[in-house]
């Protein structure tokens, strides 16, 4: 079986032009993939301002939260003491 090659008169592209275009498009695709990857890491990365605090500030925040919890517990027990007291 013989294959007849016909030339297209409307499009004057050679194989070299096709290879160049393919390389150019691959380069554009890799650039777009890099942009998408960078954007997604920026979107889903934790905020640096919250994580970059100094350790003693985190210790201070934790101790204040523990103190607030203890004070709240004391106030609740004081308020509801009559439920737990023996009558009589």
N, C-alpha and C. Protein backbone atom coordinates (compact mmCIF):
# COMPACT_ATOMS: atom_id res chain seq x y z
N UNK A 1 0.84 -1.16 0.00
CA UNK A 1 0.00 0.00 0.00
C UNK A 1 0.89 1.23 0.00
N UNK A 2 0.62 2.11 -0.89
CA UNK A 2 1.43 3.29 -1.06
C UNK A 2 0.68 4.50 -0.52
N UNK A 3 1.37 5.30 0.31
CA UNK A 3 0.74 6.48 0.89
C UNK A 3 1.17 7.69 0.08
N UNK A 4 0.21 8.42 -0.37
CA UNK A 4 0.51 9.62 -1.15
C UNK A 4 0.55 10.83 -0.23
N UNK A 5 1.64 11.53 -0.24
CA UNK A 5 1.78 12.74 0.56
C UNK A 5 1.33 13.93 -0.26
N UNK A 6 0.38 14.65 0.31
CA UNK A 6 -0.09 15.84 -0.39
C UNK A 6 0.41 17.07 0.36
N UNK A 7 0.73 18.07 -0.35
CA UNK A 7 1.20 19.31 0.27
C UNK A 7 0.03 20.27 0.41
N UNK A 8 0.02 20.93 1.52
CA UNK A 8 -1.04 21.89 1.78
C UNK A 8 -0.58 23.27 1.33
N UNK A 9 -1.31 23.88 0.47
CA UNK A 9 -0.93 25.19 -0.04
C UNK A 9 -1.40 26.31 0.88
N UNK A 10 -2.39 26.05 1.73
CA UNK A 10 -2.92 27.10 2.59
C UNK A 10 -2.03 27.33 3.81
N UNK A 11 -1.26 26.33 4.22
CA UNK A 11 -0.44 26.44 5.42
C UNK A 11 0.98 26.05 5.06
N UNK A 12 1.88 26.99 5.15
CA UNK A 12 3.26 26.74 4.76
C UNK A 12 4.13 26.44 5.98
N UNK A 13 3.75 25.49 6.79
CA UNK A 13 4.53 25.11 7.97
C UNK A 13 5.37 23.89 7.63
N UNK A 14 6.58 23.94 8.09
CA UNK A 14 7.46 22.79 7.90
C UNK A 14 7.56 22.02 9.21
N UNK A 15 8.23 20.90 9.18
CA UNK A 15 8.39 20.10 10.40
C UNK A 15 9.22 20.86 11.44
N UNK A 16 10.16 21.63 11.00
CA UNK A 16 10.99 22.43 11.92
C UNK A 16 10.13 23.46 12.65
N UNK A 17 9.21 24.09 11.89
CA UNK A 17 8.31 25.06 12.51
C UNK A 17 7.40 24.39 13.54
N UNK A 18 6.96 23.20 13.25
CA UNK A 18 6.09 22.47 14.17
C UNK A 18 6.85 22.12 15.45
N UNK A 19 8.09 21.68 15.30
CA UNK A 19 8.91 21.33 16.46
C UNK A 19 9.16 22.57 17.32
N UNK A 20 9.48 23.69 16.68
CA UNK A 20 9.70 24.93 17.42
C UNK A 20 8.44 25.37 18.18
N UNK A 21 7.30 25.26 17.50
CA UNK A 21 6.03 25.64 18.12
C UNK A 21 5.73 24.72 19.31
N UNK A 22 6.02 23.45 19.15
CA UNK A 22 5.78 22.48 20.22
C UNK A 22 6.66 22.79 21.44
N UNK A 23 7.93 23.10 21.20
CA UNK A 23 8.84 23.44 22.30
C UNK A 23 8.37 24.73 22.99
N UNK A 24 7.95 25.69 22.22
CA UNK A 24 7.46 26.95 22.78
C UNK A 24 6.21 26.74 23.63
N UNK A 25 5.30 25.91 23.14
CA UNK A 25 4.08 25.64 23.90
C UNK A 25 4.37 24.86 25.17
N UNK A 26 5.31 23.92 25.12
CA UNK A 26 5.69 23.18 26.33
C UNK A 26 6.28 24.12 27.37
N UNK A 27 7.07 25.08 26.91
CA UNK A 27 7.66 26.05 27.83
C UNK A 27 6.57 26.91 28.47
N UNK A 28 5.58 27.34 27.68
CA UNK A 28 4.48 28.12 28.23
C UNK A 28 3.68 27.31 29.24
N UNK A 29 3.47 26.04 28.96
CA UNK A 29 2.73 25.17 29.87
C UNK A 29 3.47 25.01 31.19
N UNK A 30 4.78 24.83 31.13
CA UNK A 30 5.55 24.69 32.39
C UNK A 30 5.51 25.98 33.19
N UNK A 31 5.55 27.14 32.53
CA UNK A 31 5.44 28.41 33.23
C UNK A 31 4.08 28.54 33.91
N UNK A 32 3.03 28.13 33.22
CA UNK A 32 1.69 28.20 33.80
C UNK A 32 1.55 27.23 34.97
N UNK A 33 2.15 26.05 34.87
CA UNK A 33 2.11 25.10 35.98
C UNK A 33 2.81 25.67 37.20
N UNK A 34 3.95 26.35 36.98
CA UNK A 34 4.67 26.97 38.09
C UNK A 34 3.84 28.08 38.74
N UNK A 35 3.17 28.87 37.92
CA UNK A 35 2.32 29.94 38.45
C UNK A 35 1.18 29.35 39.29
N UNK A 36 0.57 28.29 38.79
CA UNK A 36 -0.53 27.65 39.51
C UNK A 36 -0.03 27.06 40.82
N UNK A 37 1.12 26.43 40.80
CA UNK A 37 1.68 25.85 42.02
C UNK A 37 2.01 26.94 43.04
N UNK A 38 2.58 28.04 42.59
CA UNK A 38 2.89 29.14 43.51
C UNK A 38 1.64 29.75 44.10
N UNK A 39 0.63 29.93 43.27
CA UNK A 39 -0.62 30.50 43.76
C UNK A 39 -1.29 29.59 44.77
N UNK A 40 -1.29 28.29 44.50
CA UNK A 40 -1.93 27.37 45.43
C UNK A 40 -1.18 27.30 46.75
N UNK A 41 0.15 27.38 46.73
CA UNK A 41 0.89 27.37 47.99
C UNK A 41 0.64 28.66 48.77
N UNK A 42 0.48 29.78 48.08
CA UNK A 42 0.17 31.03 48.77
C UNK A 42 -1.22 30.99 49.38
N UNK A 43 -2.16 30.36 48.68
CA UNK A 43 -3.54 30.31 49.19
C UNK A 43 -3.67 29.40 50.40
N UNK A 44 -3.03 28.24 50.36
CA UNK A 44 -3.23 27.25 51.40
C UNK A 44 -2.15 27.24 52.47
N UNK A 45 -1.17 28.11 52.37
CA UNK A 45 -0.12 28.17 53.39
C UNK A 45 -0.66 28.90 54.61
N UNK A 46 -0.27 28.48 55.81
CA UNK A 46 -0.72 29.20 57.00
C UNK A 46 -0.13 30.60 57.02
N UNK A 47 -0.84 31.49 57.67
CA UNK A 47 -0.37 32.87 57.72
C UNK A 47 0.89 32.95 58.56
N UNK A 48 1.88 33.62 58.04
CA UNK A 48 3.17 33.66 58.72
C UNK A 48 3.14 34.57 59.94
N UNK A 49 2.25 35.56 59.97
CA UNK A 49 2.23 36.49 61.10
C UNK A 49 1.76 35.80 62.37
N UNK A 50 0.90 34.79 62.26
CA UNK A 50 0.42 34.09 63.44
C UNK A 50 1.44 33.06 63.92
N UNK A 51 2.20 32.50 63.04
CA UNK A 51 3.14 31.45 63.43
C UNK A 51 4.52 31.99 63.77
N UNK A 52 4.78 33.24 63.47
CA UNK A 52 6.12 33.76 63.67
C UNK A 52 6.28 34.44 65.03
N UNK A 53 5.33 34.23 65.95
CA UNK A 53 5.42 34.84 67.26
C UNK A 53 6.56 34.25 68.06
N UNK A 54 7.03 35.03 69.00
CA UNK A 54 8.13 34.56 69.82
C UNK A 54 7.61 33.55 70.83
N UNK A 55 8.43 32.61 71.25
CA UNK A 55 7.97 31.54 72.14
C UNK A 55 7.42 32.05 73.47
N UNK A 56 8.02 33.10 74.01
CA UNK A 56 7.53 33.58 75.30
C UNK A 56 6.14 34.21 75.17
N UNK A 57 5.80 34.75 74.00
CA UNK A 57 4.45 35.28 73.81
C UNK A 57 3.44 34.14 73.77
N UNK A 58 3.80 33.03 73.14
CA UNK A 58 2.91 31.88 73.13
C UNK A 58 2.72 31.33 74.53
N UNK A 59 3.80 31.30 75.32
CA UNK A 59 3.72 30.86 76.71
C UNK A 59 2.81 31.78 77.51
N UNK A 60 2.93 33.07 77.29
CA UNK A 60 2.09 34.05 77.98
C UNK A 60 0.62 33.88 77.61
N UNK A 61 0.34 33.69 76.32
CA UNK A 61 -1.05 33.50 75.88
C UNK A 61 -1.64 32.24 76.50
N UNK A 62 -0.87 31.16 76.53
CA UNK A 62 -1.37 29.91 77.12
C UNK A 62 -1.63 30.08 78.61
N UNK A 63 -0.75 30.77 79.30
CA UNK A 63 -0.95 30.94 80.74
C UNK A 63 -2.16 31.82 81.02
N UNK A 64 -2.39 32.84 80.21
CA UNK A 64 -3.57 33.69 80.38
C UNK A 64 -4.84 32.87 80.12
N UNK A 65 -4.84 32.02 79.11
CA UNK A 65 -6.01 31.18 78.83
C UNK A 65 -6.29 30.21 79.97
N UNK A 66 -5.26 29.65 80.55
CA UNK A 66 -5.44 28.74 81.69
C UNK A 66 -6.01 29.50 82.88
N UNK A 67 -5.49 30.69 83.12
CA UNK A 67 -5.98 31.51 84.22
C UNK A 67 -7.45 31.89 84.00
N UNK A 68 -7.80 32.28 82.79
CA UNK A 68 -9.20 32.61 82.49
C UNK A 68 -10.11 31.41 82.69
N UNK A 69 -9.65 30.23 82.30
CA UNK A 69 -10.45 29.03 82.52
C UNK A 69 -10.64 28.73 83.99
N UNK A 70 -9.60 28.92 84.79
CA UNK A 70 -9.72 28.68 86.24
C UNK A 70 -10.67 29.68 86.88
N UNK A 71 -10.58 30.94 86.48
CA UNK A 71 -11.48 31.95 87.04
C UNK A 71 -12.92 31.66 86.65
N UNK A 72 -13.16 31.30 85.42
CA UNK A 72 -14.51 30.97 84.97
C UNK A 72 -15.05 29.76 85.74
N UNK A 73 -14.23 28.74 85.92
CA UNK A 73 -14.66 27.58 86.70
C UNK A 73 -15.00 27.94 88.13
N UNK A 74 -14.20 28.79 88.75
CA UNK A 74 -14.46 29.21 90.13
C UNK A 74 -15.78 29.98 90.20
N UNK A 75 -16.02 30.89 89.25
CA UNK A 75 -17.26 31.67 89.26
C UNK A 75 -18.47 30.78 89.05
N UNK A 76 -18.35 29.80 88.15
CA UNK A 76 -19.48 28.89 87.93
C UNK A 76 -19.76 28.04 89.16
N UNK A 77 -18.72 27.54 89.81
CA UNK A 77 -18.93 26.73 91.01
C UNK A 77 -19.53 27.58 92.12
N UNK A 78 -19.11 28.83 92.24
CA UNK A 78 -19.65 29.72 93.26
C UNK A 78 -21.12 30.02 93.00
N UNK A 79 -21.46 30.20 91.71
CA UNK A 79 -22.84 30.53 91.34
C UNK A 79 -23.77 29.34 91.56
N UNK A 80 -23.31 28.14 91.25
CA UNK A 80 -24.16 26.96 91.35
C UNK A 80 -23.90 26.17 92.63
N UNK A 81 -23.31 26.79 93.63
CA UNK A 81 -22.97 26.09 94.87
C UNK A 81 -24.22 25.58 95.57
N UNK A 82 -25.30 26.30 95.49
CA UNK A 82 -26.51 25.86 96.19
C UNK A 82 -27.07 24.57 95.61
N UNK A 83 -26.73 24.23 94.38
CA UNK A 83 -27.16 22.94 93.83
C UNK A 83 -26.38 21.77 94.45
N UNK A 84 -25.13 22.03 94.83
CA UNK A 84 -24.27 20.98 95.35
C UNK A 84 -24.23 20.93 96.89
N UNK A 85 -24.81 21.92 97.54
CA UNK A 85 -24.81 21.98 99.00
C UNK A 85 -25.89 21.07 99.57
N UNK A 86 -25.60 20.50 100.71
CA UNK A 86 -26.63 19.70 101.40
C UNK A 86 -27.58 20.63 102.11
N UNK A 87 -28.83 20.32 101.97
CA UNK A 87 -29.83 21.13 102.67
C UNK A 87 -30.15 20.45 104.00
N UNK A 88 -30.16 21.24 104.98
CA UNK A 88 -30.53 20.68 106.10
C UNK A 88 -30.49 20.49 107.41
